């Protein structure tokens, strides 16, 4: 019998996936040692992962297609920043 784990559930809603990603980044950073470098990149990873989900959420409420594309592009930039922060661990 497979263990029921919330991280094994598939989520098809992109906004929900981004929120989960931000939460998983927080849980990941809690296990890091307390060096100056880790603290710096830990804070950056938490900010950028949370910002990507918030920017995508804002994109859902836009009026024009141009504004939607702009907000989604911000979310993509924050995800790239999260990826680069993650590589430093």
N, C-alpha and C. Protein backbone atom coordinates (compact mmCIF):
# COMPACT_ATOMS: atom_id res chain seq x y z
N UNK A 1 0.83 -1.18 0.00
CA UNK A 1 0.00 0.00 0.00
C UNK A 1 0.88 1.24 0.00
N UNK A 2 0.56 2.20 -0.85
CA UNK A 2 1.36 3.41 -0.97
C UNK A 2 1.05 4.38 0.17
N UNK A 3 2.10 4.97 0.69
CA UNK A 3 1.94 5.96 1.76
C UNK A 3 1.24 7.19 1.22
N UNK A 4 0.29 7.72 1.97
CA UNK A 4 -0.43 8.92 1.55
C UNK A 4 0.39 10.14 1.96
N UNK A 5 1.02 10.76 0.98
CA UNK A 5 1.89 11.89 1.23
C UNK A 5 1.42 13.05 0.36
N UNK A 6 1.25 14.22 0.95
CA UNK A 6 0.76 15.37 0.18
C UNK A 6 1.71 15.75 -0.94
N UNK A 7 2.99 15.41 -0.85
CA UNK A 7 3.94 15.75 -1.89
C UNK A 7 3.88 14.78 -3.05
N UNK A 8 3.16 13.66 -2.92
CA UNK A 8 3.00 12.71 -4.01
C UNK A 8 1.76 13.01 -4.84
N UNK A 9 0.87 13.84 -4.35
CA UNK A 9 -0.35 14.17 -5.08
C UNK A 9 -0.01 15.04 -6.29
N UNK A 10 -0.64 14.73 -7.43
CA UNK A 10 -0.43 15.54 -8.62
C UNK A 10 -1.37 16.73 -8.59
N UNK A 11 -0.83 17.88 -8.88
CA UNK A 11 -1.62 19.10 -8.93
C UNK A 11 -1.57 19.61 -10.37
N UNK A 12 -2.71 19.87 -10.93
CA UNK A 12 -2.76 20.32 -12.31
C UNK A 12 -2.98 21.83 -12.43
N UNK A 13 -3.38 22.47 -11.37
CA UNK A 13 -3.57 23.92 -11.36
C UNK A 13 -2.20 24.57 -11.15
N UNK A 14 -1.80 25.41 -12.12
CA UNK A 14 -0.46 25.99 -12.06
C UNK A 14 -0.26 26.88 -10.85
N UNK A 15 -1.26 27.64 -10.49
CA UNK A 15 -1.13 28.51 -9.32
C UNK A 15 -0.93 27.69 -8.05
N UNK A 16 -1.66 26.59 -7.91
CA UNK A 16 -1.48 25.71 -6.75
C UNK A 16 -0.09 25.09 -6.74
N UNK A 17 0.42 24.77 -7.90
CA UNK A 17 1.77 24.20 -7.98
C UNK A 17 2.82 25.22 -7.54
N UNK A 18 2.62 26.47 -7.91
CA UNK A 18 3.57 27.51 -7.50
C UNK A 18 3.52 27.76 -6.00
N UNK A 19 2.33 27.71 -5.42
CA UNK A 19 2.20 27.87 -3.97
C UNK A 19 2.89 26.72 -3.26
N UNK A 20 2.70 25.51 -3.76
CA UNK A 20 3.36 24.34 -3.16
C UNK A 20 4.88 24.46 -3.29
N UNK A 21 5.34 24.92 -4.45
CA UNK A 21 6.78 25.10 -4.66
C UNK A 21 7.36 26.07 -3.63
N UNK A 22 6.67 27.18 -3.40
CA UNK A 22 7.14 28.15 -2.41
C UNK A 22 7.21 27.52 -1.02
N UNK A 23 6.21 26.73 -0.67
CA UNK A 23 6.21 26.04 0.62
C UNK A 23 7.32 25.03 0.73
N UNK A 24 7.57 24.28 -0.33
CA UNK A 24 8.64 23.28 -0.31
C UNK A 24 10.01 23.95 -0.20
N UNK A 25 10.15 25.13 -0.80
CA UNK A 25 11.41 25.87 -0.67
C UNK A 25 11.65 26.26 0.79
N UNK A 26 10.60 26.65 1.48
CA UNK A 26 10.73 26.99 2.90
C UNK A 26 11.15 25.77 3.71
N UNK A 27 10.49 24.63 3.46
CA UNK A 27 10.86 23.41 4.18
C UNK A 27 12.29 22.99 3.86
N UNK A 28 12.72 23.16 2.61
CA UNK A 28 14.08 22.81 2.22
C UNK A 28 15.10 23.65 2.99
N UNK A 29 14.85 24.94 3.09
CA UNK A 29 15.83 25.83 3.72
C UNK A 29 15.94 25.62 5.22
N UNK A 30 14.94 25.04 5.83
CA UNK A 30 15.00 24.80 7.28
C UNK A 30 16.06 23.79 7.65
N UNK A 31 16.48 22.95 6.71
CA UNK A 31 17.45 21.90 7.00
C UNK A 31 18.88 22.31 6.69
N UNK A 32 19.11 23.54 6.29
CA UNK A 32 20.45 23.99 5.95
C UNK A 32 21.22 24.43 7.19
N UNK A 33 22.54 24.32 7.11
CA UNK A 33 23.33 24.81 8.24
C UNK A 33 23.28 26.34 8.27
N UNK A 34 23.74 26.91 9.33
CA UNK A 34 23.53 28.33 9.59
C UNK A 34 24.69 29.23 9.13
N UNK A 35 25.36 28.87 8.05
CA UNK A 35 26.46 29.70 7.56
C UNK A 35 25.92 31.00 6.97
N UNK A 36 26.80 32.00 6.87
CA UNK A 36 26.41 33.30 6.32
C UNK A 36 25.91 33.14 4.88
N UNK A 37 26.63 32.34 4.08
CA UNK A 37 26.26 32.16 2.69
C UNK A 37 24.90 31.49 2.56
N UNK A 38 24.67 30.45 3.34
CA UNK A 38 23.38 29.76 3.28
C UNK A 38 22.24 30.66 3.71
N UNK A 39 22.50 31.50 4.71
CA UNK A 39 21.44 32.41 5.15
C UNK A 39 21.08 33.39 4.05
N UNK A 40 22.08 33.90 3.35
CA UNK A 40 21.84 34.85 2.26
C UNK A 40 21.01 34.20 1.15
N UNK A 41 21.46 33.04 0.67
CA UNK A 41 20.75 32.38 -0.43
C UNK A 41 19.43 31.78 0.01
N UNK A 42 19.34 31.40 1.27
CA UNK A 42 18.07 30.90 1.80
C UNK A 42 17.01 32.00 1.75
N UNK A 43 17.35 33.18 2.21
CA UNK A 43 16.41 34.30 2.17
C UNK A 43 16.02 34.65 0.73
N UNK A 44 17.00 34.61 -0.17
CA UNK A 44 16.72 34.93 -1.56
C UNK A 44 15.79 33.88 -2.18
N UNK A 45 16.02 32.60 -1.88
CA UNK A 45 15.18 31.54 -2.41
C UNK A 45 13.75 31.66 -1.90
N UNK A 46 13.59 31.96 -0.64
CA UNK A 46 12.24 32.11 -0.07
C UNK A 46 11.51 33.29 -0.72
N UNK A 47 12.21 34.41 -0.90
CA UNK A 47 11.57 35.59 -1.51
C UNK A 47 11.19 35.34 -2.96
N UNK A 48 12.10 34.78 -3.74
CA UNK A 48 11.83 34.61 -5.17
C UNK A 48 10.79 33.53 -5.43
N UNK A 49 10.79 32.45 -4.66
CA UNK A 49 9.79 31.40 -4.87
C UNK A 49 8.40 31.89 -4.48
N UNK A 50 8.32 32.64 -3.40
CA UNK A 50 7.03 33.20 -3.00
C UNK A 50 6.54 34.26 -3.96
N UNK A 51 7.47 35.05 -4.48
CA UNK A 51 7.10 36.10 -5.42
C UNK A 51 6.56 35.53 -6.72
N UNK A 52 7.09 34.40 -7.16
CA UNK A 52 6.60 33.81 -8.41
C UNK A 52 5.13 33.41 -8.29
N UNK A 53 4.76 32.83 -7.17
CA UNK A 53 3.35 32.45 -7.00
C UNK A 53 2.45 33.67 -6.85
N UNK A 54 2.94 34.70 -6.18
CA UNK A 54 2.14 35.92 -6.02
C UNK A 54 1.97 36.66 -7.35
N UNK A 55 3.03 36.73 -8.14
CA UNK A 55 2.92 37.38 -9.44
C UNK A 55 1.97 36.62 -10.37
N UNK A 56 2.01 35.30 -10.33
CA UNK A 56 1.09 34.55 -11.17
C UNK A 56 -0.35 34.75 -10.69
N UNK A 57 -0.54 34.83 -9.39
CA UNK A 57 -1.87 35.12 -8.86
C UNK A 57 -2.38 36.47 -9.31
N UNK A 58 -1.49 37.46 -9.35
CA UNK A 58 -1.88 38.78 -9.84
C UNK A 58 -2.23 38.73 -11.32
N UNK A 59 -1.55 37.89 -12.07
CA UNK A 59 -1.82 37.77 -13.50
C UNK A 59 -3.24 37.27 -13.75
N UNK A 60 -3.76 36.48 -12.83
CA UNK A 60 -5.12 35.95 -12.99
C UNK A 60 -6.16 37.06 -12.95
N UNK A 61 -5.84 38.18 -12.33
CA UNK A 61 -6.81 39.26 -12.19
C UNK A 61 -6.60 40.42 -13.13
N UNK A 62 -5.75 40.23 -14.14
CA UNK A 62 -5.49 41.34 -15.05
C UNK A 62 -6.65 41.53 -16.04
N UNK A 63 -6.70 42.73 -16.59
CA UNK A 63 -7.77 43.06 -17.53
C UNK A 63 -7.32 42.85 -18.98
N UNK A 64 -6.11 43.28 -19.29
CA UNK A 64 -5.65 43.19 -20.68
C UNK A 64 -4.69 42.01 -20.86
N UNK A 65 -4.59 41.55 -22.08
CA UNK A 65 -3.64 40.48 -22.41
C UNK A 65 -2.20 40.93 -22.20
N UNK A 66 -1.94 42.19 -22.51
CA UNK A 66 -0.59 42.74 -22.35
C UNK A 66 -0.17 42.72 -20.88
N UNK A 67 -1.06 43.09 -19.99
CA UNK A 67 -0.77 43.07 -18.55
C UNK A 67 -0.60 41.64 -18.05
N UNK A 68 -1.41 40.72 -18.58
CA UNK A 68 -1.28 39.31 -18.21
C UNK A 68 0.10 38.78 -18.58
N UNK A 69 0.53 39.06 -19.80
CA UNK A 69 1.84 38.60 -20.26
C UNK A 69 2.94 39.20 -19.41
N UNK A 70 2.81 40.47 -19.06
CA UNK A 70 3.81 41.13 -18.22
C UNK A 70 3.91 40.45 -16.85
N UNK A 71 2.77 40.20 -16.22
CA UNK A 71 2.77 39.59 -14.88
C UNK A 71 3.32 38.16 -14.93
N UNK A 72 2.95 37.41 -15.95
CA UNK A 72 3.46 36.04 -16.07
C UNK A 72 4.97 36.06 -16.33
N UNK A 73 5.43 37.03 -17.12
CA UNK A 73 6.88 37.12 -17.37
C UNK A 73 7.63 37.44 -16.08
N UNK A 74 7.03 38.23 -15.20
CA UNK A 74 7.65 38.47 -13.88
C UNK A 74 7.74 37.18 -13.08
N UNK A 75 6.68 36.38 -13.13
CA UNK A 75 6.68 35.10 -12.41
C UNK A 75 7.78 34.19 -12.95
N UNK A 76 7.95 34.17 -14.26
CA UNK A 76 9.00 33.33 -14.87
C UNK A 76 10.38 33.82 -14.43
N UNK A 77 10.58 35.13 -14.40
CA UNK A 77 11.87 35.67 -13.95
C UNK A 77 12.16 35.28 -12.51
N UNK A 78 11.14 35.30 -11.66
CA UNK A 78 11.33 34.91 -10.26
C UNK A 78 11.64 33.42 -10.15
N UNK A 79 11.03 32.60 -11.00
CA UNK A 79 11.34 31.17 -10.99
C UNK A 79 12.79 30.92 -11.42
N UNK A 80 13.25 31.67 -12.40
CA UNK A 80 14.66 31.55 -12.81
C UNK A 80 15.58 31.97 -11.68
N UNK A 81 15.21 33.01 -10.97
CA UNK A 81 16.00 33.46 -9.83
C UNK A 81 16.01 32.39 -8.73
N UNK A 82 14.88 31.74 -8.53
CA UNK A 82 14.81 30.65 -7.54
C UNK A 82 15.74 29.52 -7.94
N UNK A 83 15.74 29.18 -9.23
CA UNK A 83 16.61 28.12 -9.71
C UNK A 83 18.07 28.47 -9.47
N UNK A 84 18.44 29.71 -9.76
CA UNK A 84 19.83 30.13 -9.56
C UNK A 84 20.19 30.17 -8.08
N UNK A 85 19.28 30.56 -7.22
CA UNK A 85 19.54 30.54 -5.77
C UNK A 85 19.72 29.12 -5.29
N UNK A 86 18.90 28.23 -5.81
CA UNK A 86 18.95 26.82 -5.40
C UNK A 86 20.29 26.19 -5.78
N UNK A 87 20.84 26.58 -6.91
CA UNK A 87 22.11 26.02 -7.37
C UNK A 87 23.26 26.36 -6.43
N UNK A 88 23.10 27.39 -5.60
CA UNK A 88 24.19 27.81 -4.71
C UNK A 88 24.29 26.99 -3.43
N UNK A 89 23.37 26.05 -3.24
CA UNK A 89 23.42 25.24 -2.02
C UNK A 89 24.25 24.00 -2.22
